[in-house]
PDB file of N, CA and C in Angstrom:
ATOM      1  N   MET A   1      37.792  70.099  29.137  1.00  0.00           N
ATOM      2  CA  MET A   1      38.995  70.564  28.522  1.00  0.00           C
ATOM      3  C   MET A   1      38.700  71.007  27.103  1.00  0.00           C
ATOM      4  N   SER A   2      39.282  72.110  26.766  1.00  0.00           N
ATOM      5  CA  SER A   2      39.037  72.599  25.416  1.00  0.00           C
ATOM      6  C   SER A   2      40.145  72.121  24.500  1.00  0.00           C
ATOM      7  N   GLU A   3      39.982  72.381  23.249  1.00  0.00           N
ATOM      8  CA  GLU A   3      40.999  71.897  22.311  1.00  0.00           C
ATOM      9  C   GLU A   3      42.286  72.694  22.394  1.00  0.00           C
ATOM     10  N   TYR A   4      42.231  73.847  23.012  1.00  0.00           N
ATOM     11  CA  TYR A   4      43.441  74.668  23.169  1.00  0.00           C
ATOM     12  C   TYR A   4      44.157  74.416  24.490  1.00  0.00           C
ATOM     13  N   GLY A   5      43.591  73.633  25.268  1.00  0.00           N
ATOM     14  CA  GLY A   5      44.218  73.334  26.562  1.00  0.00           C
ATOM     15  C   GLY A   5      43.424  73.915  27.712  1.00  0.00           C
ATOM     16  N   GLU A   6      44.005  73.864  28.861  1.00  0.00           N
ATOM     17  CA  GLU A   6      43.337  74.315  30.068  1.00  0.00           C
ATOM     18  C   GLU A   6      44.150  75.470  30.662  1.00  0.00           C
ATOM     19  N   ILE A   7      43.470  76.509  31.012  1.00  0.00           N
ATOM     20  CA  ILE A   7      44.125  77.683  31.593  1.00  0.00           C
ATOM     21  C   ILE A   7      43.472  77.946  32.931  1.00  0.00           C
ATOM     22  N   GLU A   8      44.308  78.161  33.913  1.00  0.00           N
ATOM     23  CA  GLU A   8      43.807  78.423  35.258  1.00  0.00           C
ATOM     24  C   GLU A   8      44.368  79.764  35.720  1.00  0.00           C
ATOM     25  N   THR A   9      43.525  80.592  36.268  1.00  0.00           N
ATOM     26  CA  THR A   9      43.963  81.867  36.835  1.00  0.00           C
ATOM     27  C   THR A   9      43.459  81.942  38.267  1.00  0.00           C
ATOM     28  N   ALA A  10      44.212  82.655  39.069  1.00  0.00           N
ATOM     29  CA  ALA A  10      43.800  82.770  40.472  1.00  0.00           C
ATOM     30  C   ALA A  10      44.395  84.037  41.069  1.00  0.00           C
ATOM     31  N   GLN A  11      43.920  84.352  42.226  1.00  0.00           N
ATOM     32  CA  GLN A  11      44.394  85.524  42.980  1.00  0.00           C
ATOM     33  C   GLN A  11      44.751  85.019  44.371  1.00  0.00           C
ATOM     34  N   GLU A  12      45.945  85.405  44.865  1.00  0.00           N
ATOM     35  CA  GLU A  12      46.353  85.037  46.217  1.00  0.00           C
ATOM     36  C   GLU A  12      46.639  86.297  46.992  1.00  0.00           C
ATOM     37  N   SER A  13      46.347  86.251  48.237  1.00  0.00           N
ATOM     38  CA  SER A  13      46.739  87.370  49.113  1.00  0.00           C
ATOM     39  C   SER A  13      47.336  86.770  50.378  1.00  0.00           C
ATOM     40  N   GLY A  14      48.191  87.506  50.962  1.00  0.00           N
ATOM     41  CA  GLY A  14      48.838  87.027  52.183  1.00  0.00           C
ATOM     42  C   GLY A  14      49.177  88.193  53.088  1.00  0.00           C
ATOM     43  N   GLU A  15      49.571  87.861  54.280  1.00  0.00           N
ATOM     44  CA  GLU A  15      49.888  88.881  55.259  1.00  0.00           C
ATOM     45  C   GLU A  15      51.102  88.414  56.044  1.00  0.00           C
ATOM     46  N   LEU A  16      51.982  89.326  56.320  1.00  0.00           N
ATOM     47  CA  LEU A  16      53.179  89.018  57.082  1.00  0.00           C
ATOM     48  C   LEU A  16      53.211  89.974  58.266  1.00  0.00           C
ATOM     49  N   GLU A  17      53.352  89.418  59.428  1.00  0.00           N
ATOM     50  CA  GLU A  17      53.421  90.256  60.627  1.00  0.00           C
ATOM     51  C   GLU A  17      54.634  89.816  61.428  1.00  0.00           C
ATOM     52  N   GLU A  18      55.461  90.784  61.811  1.00  0.00           N
ATOM     53  CA  GLU A  18      56.673  90.480  62.561  1.00  0.00           C
ATOM     54  C   GLU A  18      56.749  91.427  63.747  1.00  0.00           C
ATOM     55  N   LEU A  19      57.074  90.894  64.892  1.00  0.00           N
ATOM     56  CA  LEU A  19      57.196  91.683  66.110  1.00  0.00           C
ATOM     57  C   LEU A  19      58.616  91.533  66.625  1.00  0.00           C
ATOM     58  N   HIS A  20      59.277  92.648  66.843  1.00  0.00           N
ATOM     59  CA  HIS A  20      60.670  92.643  67.285  1.00  0.00           C
ATOM     60  C   HIS A  20      60.764  93.455  68.583  1.00  0.00           C
ATOM     61  N   THR A  21      61.288  92.849  69.630  1.00  0.00           N
ATOM     62  CA  THR A  21      61.437  93.552  70.906  1.00  0.00           C
ATOM     63  C   THR A  21      62.905  93.546  71.329  1.00  0.00           C
ATOM     64  N   THR A  22      63.319  94.626  71.943  1.00  0.00           N
ATOM     65  CA  THR A  22      64.668  94.757  72.481  1.00  0.00           C
ATOM     66  C   THR A  22      64.544  95.373  73.868  1.00  0.00           C
ATOM     67  N   ALA A  23      65.274  94.819  74.823  1.00  0.00           N
ATOM     68  CA  ALA A  23      65.254  95.368  76.181  1.00  0.00           C
ATOM     69  C   ALA A  23      66.664  95.292  76.735  1.00  0.00           C
ATOM     70  N   GLY A  24      67.014  96.227  77.588  1.00  0.00           N
ATOM     71  CA  GLY A  24      68.339  96.218  78.185  1.00  0.00           C
ATOM     72  C   GLY A  24      68.414  97.186  79.340  1.00  0.00           C
ATOM     73  N   SER A  25      69.502  97.100  80.060  1.00  0.00           N
ATOM     74  CA  SER A  25      69.725  98.023  81.165  1.00  0.00           C
ATOM     75  C   SER A  25      71.217  98.282  81.282  1.00  0.00           C
ATOM     76  N   GLU A  26      71.542  99.389  81.920  1.00  0.00           N
ATOM     77  CA  GLU A  26      72.944  99.781  82.081  1.00  0.00           C
ATOM     78  C   GLU A  26      73.108 100.435  83.444  1.00  0.00           C
ATOM     79  N   GLN A  27      74.154 100.027  84.168  1.00  0.00           N
ATOM     80  CA  GLN A  27      74.486 100.626  85.450  1.00  0.00           C
ATOM     81  C   GLN A  27      75.922 101.133  85.366  1.00  0.00           C
ATOM     82  N   ASP A  28      76.171 102.269  86.010  1.00  0.00           N
ATOM     83  CA  ASP A  28      77.498 102.871  85.989  1.00  0.00           C
ATOM     84  C   ASP A  28      77.789 103.428  87.374  1.00  0.00           C
ATOM     85  N   TYR A  29      78.996 103.178  87.874  1.00  0.00           N
ATOM     86  CA  TYR A  29      79.401 103.675  89.185  1.00  0.00           C
ATOM     87  C   TYR A  29      80.827 104.200  89.065  1.00  0.00           C
ATOM     88  N   GLN A  30      81.072 105.349  89.646  1.00  0.00           N
ATOM     89  CA  GLN A  30      82.407 105.930  89.587  1.00  0.00           C
ATOM     90  C   GLN A  30      82.710 106.611  90.913  1.00  0.00           C
ATOM     91  N   SER A  31      83.906 106.369  91.423  1.00  0.00           N
ATOM     92  CA  SER A  31      84.339 107.058  92.636  1.00  0.00           C
ATOM     93  C   SER A  31      85.763 107.543  92.424  1.00  0.00           C
ATOM     94  N   ASP A  32      86.037 108.715  92.946  1.00  0.00           N
ATOM     95  CA  ASP A  32      87.353 109.331  92.794  1.00  0.00           C
ATOM     96  C   ASP A  32      87.667 110.064  94.093  1.00  0.00           C
ATOM     97  N   PHE A  33      88.662 109.588  94.801  1.00  0.00           N
ATOM     98  CA  PHE A  33      89.029 110.192  96.071  1.00  0.00           C
ATOM     99  C   PHE A  33      90.523 110.472  96.071  1.00  0.00           C
ATOM    100  N   GLY A  34      90.887 111.590  96.638  1.00  0.00           N
ATOM    101  CA  GLY A  34      92.287 111.956  96.737  1.00  0.00           C
ATOM    102  C   GLY A  34      92.580 112.503  98.132  1.00  0.00           C
ATOM    103  N   VAL A  35      93.726 112.155  98.651  1.00  0.00           N
ATOM    104  CA  VAL A  35      94.159 112.618  99.965  1.00  0.00           C
ATOM    105  C   VAL A  35      95.538 113.224  99.801  1.00  0.00           C
ATOM    106  N   TYR A  36      95.707 114.383 100.384  1.00  0.00           N
ATOM    107  CA  TYR A  36      96.993 115.072 100.325  1.00  0.00           C
ATOM    108  C   TYR A  36      97.420 115.387 101.752  1.00  0.00           C
ATOM    109  N   ALA A  37      98.607 115.024 102.111  1.00  0.00           N
ATOM    110  CA  ALA A  37      99.117 115.313 103.451  1.00  0.00           C
ATOM    111  C   ALA A  37     100.566 115.775 103.328  1.00  0.00           C
ATOM    112  N   GLN A  38     100.906 116.772 104.105  1.00  0.00           N
ATOM    113  CA  GLN A  38     102.275 117.285 104.113  1.00  0.00           C
ATOM    114  C   GLN A  38     102.643 117.608 105.552  1.00  0.00           C
ATOM    115  N   ASP A  39     103.750 117.071 105.998  1.00  0.00           N
ATOM    116  CA  ASP A  39     104.256 117.332 107.334  1.00  0.00           C
ATOM    117  C   ASP A  39     105.664 117.891 107.219  1.00  0.00           C
ATOM    118  N   THR A  40     105.933 118.903 107.994  1.00  0.00           N
ATOM    119  CA  THR A  40     107.269 119.495 108.040  1.00  0.00           C
ATOM    120  C   THR A  40     107.638 119.664 109.508  1.00  0.00           C
ATOM    121  N   ALA A  41     108.815 119.252 109.846  1.00  0.00           N
ATOM    122  CA  ALA A  41     109.293 119.416 111.219  1.00  0.00           C
ATOM    123  C   ALA A  41     110.746 119.865 111.175  1.00  0.00           C
ATOM    124  N   SER A  42     111.082 120.770 112.058  1.00  0.00           N
ATOM    125  CA  SER A  42     112.475 121.221 112.161  1.00  0.00           C
ATOM    126  C   SER A  42     112.809 121.438 113.633  1.00  0.00           C
ATOM    127  N   ALA A  43     114.059 121.210 113.962  1.00  0.00           N
ATOM    128  CA  ALA A  43     114.542 121.405 115.328  1.00  0.00           C
ATOM    129  C   ALA A  43     115.901 122.080 115.256  1.00  0.00           C
ATOM    130  N   GLU A  44     116.124 122.960 116.182  1.00  0.00           N
ATOM    131  CA  GLU A  44     117.395 123.683 116.228  1.00  0.00           C
ATOM    132  C   GLU A  44     117.860 123.698 117.676  1.00  0.00           C
ATOM    133  N   ASN A  45     119.115 123.396 117.840  1.00  0.00           N
ATOM    134  CA  ASN A  45     119.687 123.396 119.178  1.00  0.00           C
ATOM    135  C   ASN A  45     121.080 124.019 119.088  1.00  0.00           C
ATOM    136  N   THR A  46     121.280 125.073 119.811  1.00  0.00           N
ATOM    137  CA  THR A  46     122.567 125.768 119.793  1.00  0.00           C
ATOM    138  C   THR A  46     123.078 125.885 121.231  1.00  0.00           C
ATOM    139  N   SER A  47     124.273 125.448 121.407  1.00  0.00           N
ATOM    140  CA  SER A  47     124.944 125.601 122.719  1.00  0.00           C
ATOM    141  C   SER A  47     126.297 126.254 122.486  1.00  0.00           C
ATOM    142  N   PHE A  48     126.585 127.246 123.305  1.00  0.00           N
ATOM    143  CA  PHE A  48     127.836 127.980 123.147  1.00  0.00           C
ATOM    144  C   PHE A  48     128.397 128.260 124.541  1.00  0.00           C
ATOM    145  N   GLU A  49     129.620 127.917 124.729  1.00  0.00           N
ATOM    146  CA  GLU A  49     130.292 128.185 126.003  1.00  0.00           C
ATOM    147  C   GLU A  49     131.682 128.732 125.702  1.00  0.00           C
ATOM    148  N   GLN A  50     132.008 129.772 126.420  1.00  0.00           N
ATOM    149  CA  GLN A  50     133.335 130.364 126.258  1.00  0.00           C
ATOM    150  C   GLN A  50     133.822 130.815 127.633  1.00  0.00           C
ATOM    151  N   GLY A  51     135.040 130.476 127.898  1.00  0.00           N
ATOM    152  CA  GLY A  51     135.639 130.902 129.174  1.00  0.00           C
ATOM    153  C   GLY A  51     136.949 131.641 128.916  1.00  0.00           C
ATOM    154  N   HIS A  52     137.198 132.613 129.766  1.00  0.00           N
ATOM    155  CA  HIS A  52     138.409 133.425 129.622  1.00  0.00           C
ATOM    156  C   HIS A  52     138.945 133.683 131.037  1.00  0.00           C
ATOM    157  N   HIS A  53     140.182 133.382 131.209  1.00  0.00           N
ATOM    158  CA  HIS A  53     140.828 133.642 132.502  1.00  0.00           C
ATOM    159  C   HIS A  53     142.157 134.324 132.228  1.00  0.00           C
ATOM    160  N   MET A  54     142.357 135.404 132.935  1.00  0.00           N
ATOM    161  CA  MET A  54     143.610 136.138 132.761  1.00  0.00           C
ATOM    162  C   MET A  54     144.157 136.477 134.159  1.00  0.00           C
ATOM    163  N   ALA A  55     145.431 136.244 134.301  1.00  0.00           N
ATOM    164  CA  ALA A  55     146.108 136.590 135.568  1.00  0.00           C
ATOM    165  C   ALA A  55     147.378 137.379 135.239  1.00  0.00           C
ATOM    166  N   TYR A  56     147.606 138.444 136.047  1.00  0.00           N
ATOM    167  CA  TYR A  56     148.771 139.303 135.789  1.00  0.00           C
ATOM    168  C   TYR A  56     149.392 139.668 137.134  1.00  0.00           C
ATOM    169  N   GLU A  57     150.681 139.579 137.154  1.00  0.00           N
ATOM    170  CA  GLU A  57     151.425 139.986 138.345  1.00  0.00           C
ATOM    171  C   GLU A  57     152.558 140.887 137.908  1.00  0.00           C
ATOM    172  N   ASP A  58     152.596 142.074 138.464  1.00  0.00           N
ATOM    173  CA  ASP A  58     153.659 142.992 138.059  1.00  0.00           C
ATOM    174  C   ASP A  58     154.894 142.769 138.939  1.00  0.00           C
ATOM    175  N   PRO A  59     156.038 143.441 138.601  1.00  0.00           N
ATOM    176  CA  PRO A  59     157.278 143.199 139.331  1.00  0.00           C
ATOM    177  C   PRO A  59     157.209 143.653 140.799  1.00  0.00           C
ATOM    178  N   SER A  60     156.290 144.509 141.108  1.00  0.00           N
ATOM    179  CA  SER A  60     156.211 144.929 142.510  1.00  0.00           C
ATOM    180  C   SER A  60     155.398 143.959 143.347  1.00  0.00           C
ATOM    181  N   GLY A  61     154.824 142.969 142.749  1.00  0.00           N
ATOM    182  CA  GLY A  61     154.080 141.944 143.460  1.00  0.00           C
ATOM    183  C   GLY A  61     152.572 142.146 143.446  1.00  0.00           C
ATOM    184  N   ALA A  62     152.095 143.161 142.749  1.00  0.00           N
ATOM    185  CA  ALA A  62     150.648 143.340 142.662  1.00  0.00           C
ATOM    186  C   ALA A  62     150.088 142.313 141.674  1.00  0.00           C
ATOM    187  N   ARG A  63     149.012 141.802 142.069  1.00  0.00           N
ATOM    188  CA  ARG A  63     148.439 140.736 141.243  1.00  0.00           C
ATOM    189  C   ARG A  63     147.051 141.173 140.758  1.00  0.00           C
ATOM    190  N   TYR A  64     146.819 140.909 139.499  1.00  0.00           N
ATOM    191  CA  TYR A  64     145.519 141.196 138.881  1.00  0.00           C
ATOM    192  C   TYR A  64     145.019 139.903 138.250  1.00  0.00           C
ATOM    193  N   GLU A  65     143.747 139.558 138.496  1.00  0.00           N
ATOM    194  CA  GLU A  65     143.183 138.329 137.945  1.00  0.00           C
ATOM    195  C   GLU A  65     141.751 138.607 137.495  1.00  0.00           C
ATOM    196  N   GLU A  66     141.425 138.070 136.332  1.00  0.00           N
ATOM    197  CA  GLU A  66     140.082 138.283 135.753  1.00  0.00           C
ATOM    198  C   GLU A  66     139.602 136.966 135.149  1.00  0.00           C
ATOM    199  N   THR A  67     138.331 136.653 135.383  1.00  0.00           N
ATOM    200  CA  THR A  67     137.734 135.449 134.806  1.00  0.00           C
ATOM    201  C   THR A  67     136.377 135.833 134.195  1.00  0.00           C
ATOM    202  N   ASP A  68     136.204 135.484 132.954  1.00  0.00           N
ATOM    203  CA  ASP A  68     134.918 135.672 132.251  1.00  0.00           C
ATOM    204  C   ASP A  68     134.443 134.298 131.771  1.00  0.00           C
ATOM    205  N   TYR A  69     133.156 134.061 131.937  1.00  0.00           N
ATOM    206  CA  TYR A  69     132.592 132.795 131.458  1.00  0.00           C
ATOM    207  C   TYR A  69     131.219 133.092 130.858  1.00  0.00           C
ATOM    208  N   VAL A  70     131.030 132.680 129.617  1.00  0.00           N
ATOM    209  CA  VAL A  70     129.757 132.898 128.916  1.00  0.00           C
ATOM    210  C   VAL A  70     129.183 131.526 128.533  1.00  0.00           C
ATOM    211  N   SER A  71     127.898 131.323 128.843  1.00  0.00           N
ATOM    212  CA  SER A  71     127.210 130.094 128.467  1.00  0.00           C
ATOM    213  C   SER A  71     125.892 130.493 127.784  1.00  0.00           C
ATOM    214  N   TYR A  72     125.647 129.934 126.587  1.00  0.00           N
ATOM    215  CA  TYR A  72     124.437 130.275 125.819  1.00  0.00           C
ATOM    216  C   TYR A  72     123.809 128.970 125.333  1.00  0.00           C
ATOM    217  N   ASP A  73     122.533 128.799 125.571  1.00  0.00           N
ATOM    218  CA  ASP A  73     121.766 127.644 125.098  1.00  0.00           C
ATOM    219  C   ASP A  73     120.485 128.142 124.441  1.00  0.00           C
ATOM    220  N   HIS A  74     120.200 127.581 123.271  1.00  0.00           N
ATOM    221  CA  HIS A  74     118.967 127.932 122.539  1.00  0.00           C
ATOM    222  C   HIS A  74     118.417 126.649 121.916  1.00  0.00           C
ATOM    223  N   SER A  75     117.126 126.403 122.108  1.00  0.00           N
ATOM    224  CA  SER A  75     116.451 125.247 121.511  1.00  0.00           C
ATOM    225  C   SER A  75     115.128 125.717 120.924  1.00  0.00           C
ATOM    226  N   ALA A  76     114.844 125.267 119.717  1.00  0.00           N
ATOM    227  CA  ALA A  76     113.586 125.616 119.056  1.00  0.00           C
ATOM    228  C   ALA A  76     113.105 124.414 118.257  1.00  0.00           C
ATOM    229  N   VAL A  77     111.796 124.170 118.332  1.00  0.00           N
ATOM    230  CA  VAL A  77     111.164 123.083 117.587  1.00  0.00           C
ATOM    231  C   VAL A  77     109.960 123.675 116.872  1.00  0.00           C
ATOM    232  N   GLU A  78     109.810 123.328 115.595  1.00  0.00           N
ATOM    233  CA  GLU A  78     108.689 123.839 114.803  1.00  0.00           C
ATOM    234  C   GLU A  78     108.119 122.702 113.973  1.00  0.00           C
ATOM    235  N   THR A  79     106.793 122.590 113.962  1.00  0.00           N
ATOM    236  CA  THR A  79     106.120 121.575 113.136  1.00  0.00           C
ATOM    237  C   THR A  79     104.981 122.238 112.379  1.00  0.00           C
ATOM    238  N   ASP A  80     104.814 121.841 111.145  1.00  0.00           N
ATOM    239  CA  ASP A  80     103.711 122.286 110.296  1.00  0.00           C
ATOM    240  C   ASP A  80     103.057 121.047 109.706  1.00  0.00           C
ATOM    241  N   SER A  81     101.754 121.061 109.629  1.00  0.00           N
ATOM    242  CA  SER A  81     101.036 119.924 109.069  1.00  0.00           C
ATOM    243  C   SER A  81      99.876 120.442 108.222  1.00  0.00           C
ATOM    244  N   VAL A  82      99.747 119.886 107.037  1.00  0.00           N
ATOM    245  CA  VAL A  82      98.647 120.224 106.133  1.00  0.00           C
ATOM    246  C   VAL A  82      97.989 118.912 105.716  1.00  0.00           C
ATOM    247  N   PHE A  83      96.676 118.867 105.802  1.00  0.00           N
ATOM    248  CA  PHE A  83      95.936 117.672 105.410  1.00  0.00           C
ATOM    249  C   PHE A  83      94.725 118.109 104.602  1.00  0.00           C
ATOM    250  N   ALA A  84      94.507 117.488 103.469  1.00  0.00           N
ATOM    251  CA  ALA A  84      93.347 117.804 102.633  1.00  0.00           C
ATOM    252  C   ALA A  84      92.810 116.501 102.048  1.00  0.00           C
ATOM    253  N   ALA A  85      91.502 116.396 101.990  1.00  0.00           N
ATOM    254  CA  ALA A  85      90.853 115.233 101.378  1.00  0.00           C
ATOM    255  C   ALA A  85      89.756 115.738 100.456  1.00  0.00           C
ATOM    256  N   GLU A  86      89.656 115.104  99.310  1.00  0.00           N
ATOM    257  CA  GLU A  86      88.661 115.499  98.318  1.00  0.00           C
ATOM    258  C   GLU A  86      88.121 114.229  97.681  1.00  0.00           C
ATOM    259  N   GLY A  87      86.844 114.225  97.394  1.00  0.00           N
ATOM    260  CA  GLY A  87      86.296 113.029  96.782  1.00  0.00           C
ATOM    261  C   GLY A  87      84.994 113.296  96.059  1.00  0.00           C
ATOM    262  N   SER A  88      84.693 112.412  95.143  1.00  0.00           N
ATOM    263  CA  SER A  88      83.421 112.482  94.436  1.00  0.00           C
ATOM    264  C   SER A  88      82.966 111.057  94.137  1.00  0.00           C
ATOM    265  N   GLU A  89      81.664 110.912  94.062  1.00  0.00           N
ATOM    266  CA  GLU A  89      81.084 109.604  93.822  1.00  0.00           C
ATOM    267  C   GLU A  89      79.821 109.803  92.998  1.00  0.00           C
ATOM    268  N   SER A  90      79.637 108.985  91.989  1.00  0.00           N
ATOM    269  CA  SER A  90      78.440 109.116  91.163  1.00  0.00           C
ATOM    270  C   SER A  90      77.985 107.730  90.717  1.00  0.00           C
ATOM    271  N   ALA A  91      76.691 107.624  90.541  1.00  0.00           N
ATOM    272  CA  ALA A  91      76.108 106.366  90.075  1.00  0.00           C
ATOM    273  C   ALA A  91      74.925 106.698  89.183  1.00  0.00           C
ATOM    274  N   SER A  92      74.738 105.888  88.158  1.00  0.00           N
ATOM    275  CA  SER A  92      73.587 106.077  87.289  1.00  0.00           C
ATOM    276  C   SER A  92      73.077 104.708  86.843  1.00  0.00           C
ATOM    277  N   SER A  93      71.801 104.672  86.549  1.00  0.00           N
ATOM    278  CA  SER A  93      71.175 103.443  86.104  1.00  0.00           C
ATOM    279  C   SER A  93      70.123 103.812  85.059  1.00  0.00           C
ATOM    280  N   SER A  94      70.071 103.043  83.996  1.00  0.00           N
ATOM    281  CA  SER A  94      69.069 103.301  82.969  1.00  0.00           C
ATOM    282  C   SER A  94      68.571 101.974  82.408  1.00  0.00           C
ATOM    283  N   GLU A  95      67.330 101.978  82.008  1.00  0.00           N
ATOM    284  CA  GLU A  95      66.715 100.816  81.386  1.00  0.00           C
ATOM    285  C   GLU A  95      65.980 101.262  80.133  1.00  0.00           C
ATOM    286  N   PHE A  96      65.946 100.390  79.157  1.00  0.00           N
ATOM    287  CA  PHE A  96      65.247 100.750  77.935  1.00  0.00           C
ATOM    288  C   PHE A  96      64.590  99.507  77.343  1.00  0.00           C
ATOM    289  N   ALA A  97      63.542  99.762  76.582  1.00  0.00           N
ATOM    290  CA  ALA A  97      62.861  98.688  75.869  1.00  0.00           C
ATOM    291  C   ALA A  97      62.255  99.288  74.609  1.00  0.00           C
ATOM    292  N   THR A  98      62.367  98.580  73.515  1.00  0.00           N
ATOM    293  CA  THR A  98      61.770  99.027  72.258  1.00  0.00           C
ATOM    294  C   THR A  98      60.975  97.866  71.676  1.00  0.00           C
ATOM    295  N   MET A  99      59.967  98.223  70.950  1.00  0.00           N
ATOM    296  CA  MET A  99      59.151  97.216  70.296  1.00  0.00           C
ATOM    297  C   MET A  99      58.812  97.740  68.901  1.00  0.00           C
ATOM    298  N   ASP A 100      59.168  96.991  67.911  1.00  0.00           N
ATOM    299  CA  ASP A 100      58.870  97.349  66.530  1.00  0.00           C
ATOM    300  C   ASP A 100      57.934  96.286  65.943  1.00  0.00           C
ATOM    301  N   ALA A 101      56.894  96.745  65.315  1.00  0.00           N
ATOM    302  CA  ALA A 101      55.968  95.820  64.660  1.00  0.00           C
ATOM    303  C   ALA A 101      55.963  96.125  63.166  1.00  0.00           C
ATOM    304  N   LEU A 102      56.065  95.105  62.385  1.00  0.00           N
ATOM    305  CA  LEU A 102      56.074  95.257  60.939  1.00  0.00           C
ATOM    306  C   LEU A 102      54.897  94.448  60.387  1.00  0.00           C
ATOM    307  N   ARG A 103      54.103  95.113  59.620  1.00  0.00           N
ATOM    308  CA  ARG A 103      52.974  94.428  59.005  1.00  0.00           C
ATOM    309  C   ARG A 103      53.004  94.756  57.518  1.00  0.00           C
ATOM    310  N   ALA A 104      53.036  93.746  56.724  1.00  0.00           N
ATOM    311  CA  ALA A 104      53.054  93.942  55.278  1.00  0.00           C
ATOM    312  C   ALA A 104      51.977  93.063  54.657  1.00  0.00           C
ATOM    313  N   GLN A 105      51.312  93.639  53.715  1.00  0.00           N
ATOM    314  CA  GLN A 105      50.306  92.882  52.980  1.00  0.00           C
ATOM    315  C   GLN A 105      50.775  92.810  51.530  1.00  0.00           C
ATOM    316  N   PHE A 106      50.516  91.703  50.937  1.00  0.00           N
ATOM    317  CA  PHE A 106      50.893  91.554  49.538  1.00  0.00           C
ATOM    318  C   PHE A 106      49.788  90.802  48.806  1.00  0.00           C
ATOM    319  N   GLU A 107      49.696  91.126  47.545  1.00  0.00           N
ATOM    320  CA  GLU A 107      48.761  90.436  46.660  1.00  0.00           C
ATOM    321  C   GLU A 107      49.538  90.024  45.427  1.00  0.00           C
ATOM    322  N   SER A 108      49.238  88.883  44.961  1.00  0.00           N
ATOM    323  CA  SER A 108      49.904  88.441  43.747  1.00  0.00           C
ATOM    324  C   SER A 108      48.883  87.719  42.855  1.00  0.00           C
ATOM    325  N   ALA A 109      49.124  87.842  41.598  1.00  0.00           N
ATOM    326  CA  ALA A 109      48.258  87.168  40.628  1.00  0.00           C
ATOM    327  C   ALA A 109      49.121  86.212  39.818  1.00  0.00           C
ATOM    328  N   PHE A 110      48.572  85.107  39.488  1.00  0.00           N
ATOM    329  CA  PHE A 110      49.330  84.184  38.657  1.00  0.00           C
ATOM    330  C   PHE A 110      48.392  83.532  37.658  1.00  0.00           C
ATOM    331  N   ALA A 111      49.039  83.032  36.658  1.00  0.00           N
ATOM    332  CA  ALA A 111      48.308  82.297  35.622  1.00  0.00           C
ATOM    333  C   ALA A 111      49.102  81.041  35.320  1.00  0.00           C
ATOM    334  N   GLN A 112      48.411  79.980  35.140  1.00  0.00           N
ATOM    335  CA  GLN A 112      49.063  78.700  34.833  1.00  0.00           C
ATOM    336  C   GLN A 112      48.292  78.054  33.706  1.00  0.00           C
ATOM    337  N   GLY A 113      49.010  77.508  32.794  1.00  0.00           N
ATOM    338  CA  GLY A 113      48.289  76.891  31.669  1.00  0.00           C
ATOM    339  C   GLY A 113      48.984  75.639  31.185  1.00  0.00           C
ATOM    340  N   THR A 114      48.198  74.776  30.647  1.00  0.00           N
ATOM    341  CA  THR A 114      48.728  73.570  30.017  1.00  0.00           C
ATOM    342  C   THR A 114      48.137  73.519  28.601  1.00  0.00           C
ATOM    343  N   VAL A 115      48.934  73.078  27.711  1.00  0.00           N
ATOM    344  CA  VAL A 115      48.494  73.013  26.322  1.00  0.00           C
ATOM    345  C   VAL A 115      48.471  71.529  25.926  1.00  0.00           C
ATOM    346  N   ALA A 116      47.380  71.139  25.395  1.00  0.00           N
ATOM    347  CA  ALA A 116      47.278  69.758  24.948  1.00  0.00           C
ATOM    348  C   ALA A 116      47.529  69.713  23.441  1.00  0.00           C
ATOM    349  N   SER A 117      48.259  68.755  22.996  1.00  0.00           N
ATOM    350  CA  SER A 117      48.544  68.599  21.578  1.00  0.00           C
ATOM    351  C   SER A 117      47.657  67.502  21.005  1.00  0.00           C
ATOM    352  N   ASN A 118      47.126  67.708  19.846  1.00  0.00           N
ATOM    353  CA  ASN A 118      46.300  66.704  19.183  1.00  0.00           C
ATOM    354  C   ASN A 118      47.049  66.020  18.102  1.00  0.00           C
TER     355      ASN A 118
END
C-alpha cells in the first residue's frame, strides 16, 4: 500500500444472447348456401247452364212450342315451379414460425480506489 492509498483498475467484458421464438397456426372455414323456390298454381272452373222454353197457342188452336238448352263447362289447371340452389364453400389453413436472435456484446471499464489517511 502506498501512502496515497490503493487504486484498482480493471476491464470487464460480457455477452448477452437472447433467443425468441413465436409459432402459431390459423384455420378458417366458410360456407354460404342459398335455396330459392317458387310455386304457383291456379285452377279455373266455369259452368254455365241456360234453358229457355216457349209455348204459344193462337186463337185458332195452332200451337207453337220451342225449347232451347245450353250447357257449358270449362276447367283449367296451371302450375309453375321454379327452383334454384347456389352455394359456396372455402377453407384455408396457415402456419407460421419466427425466430429472433439477439446478441449484444458490451465492455466496461471501472476504477475503484481507497484513500488511506495518516
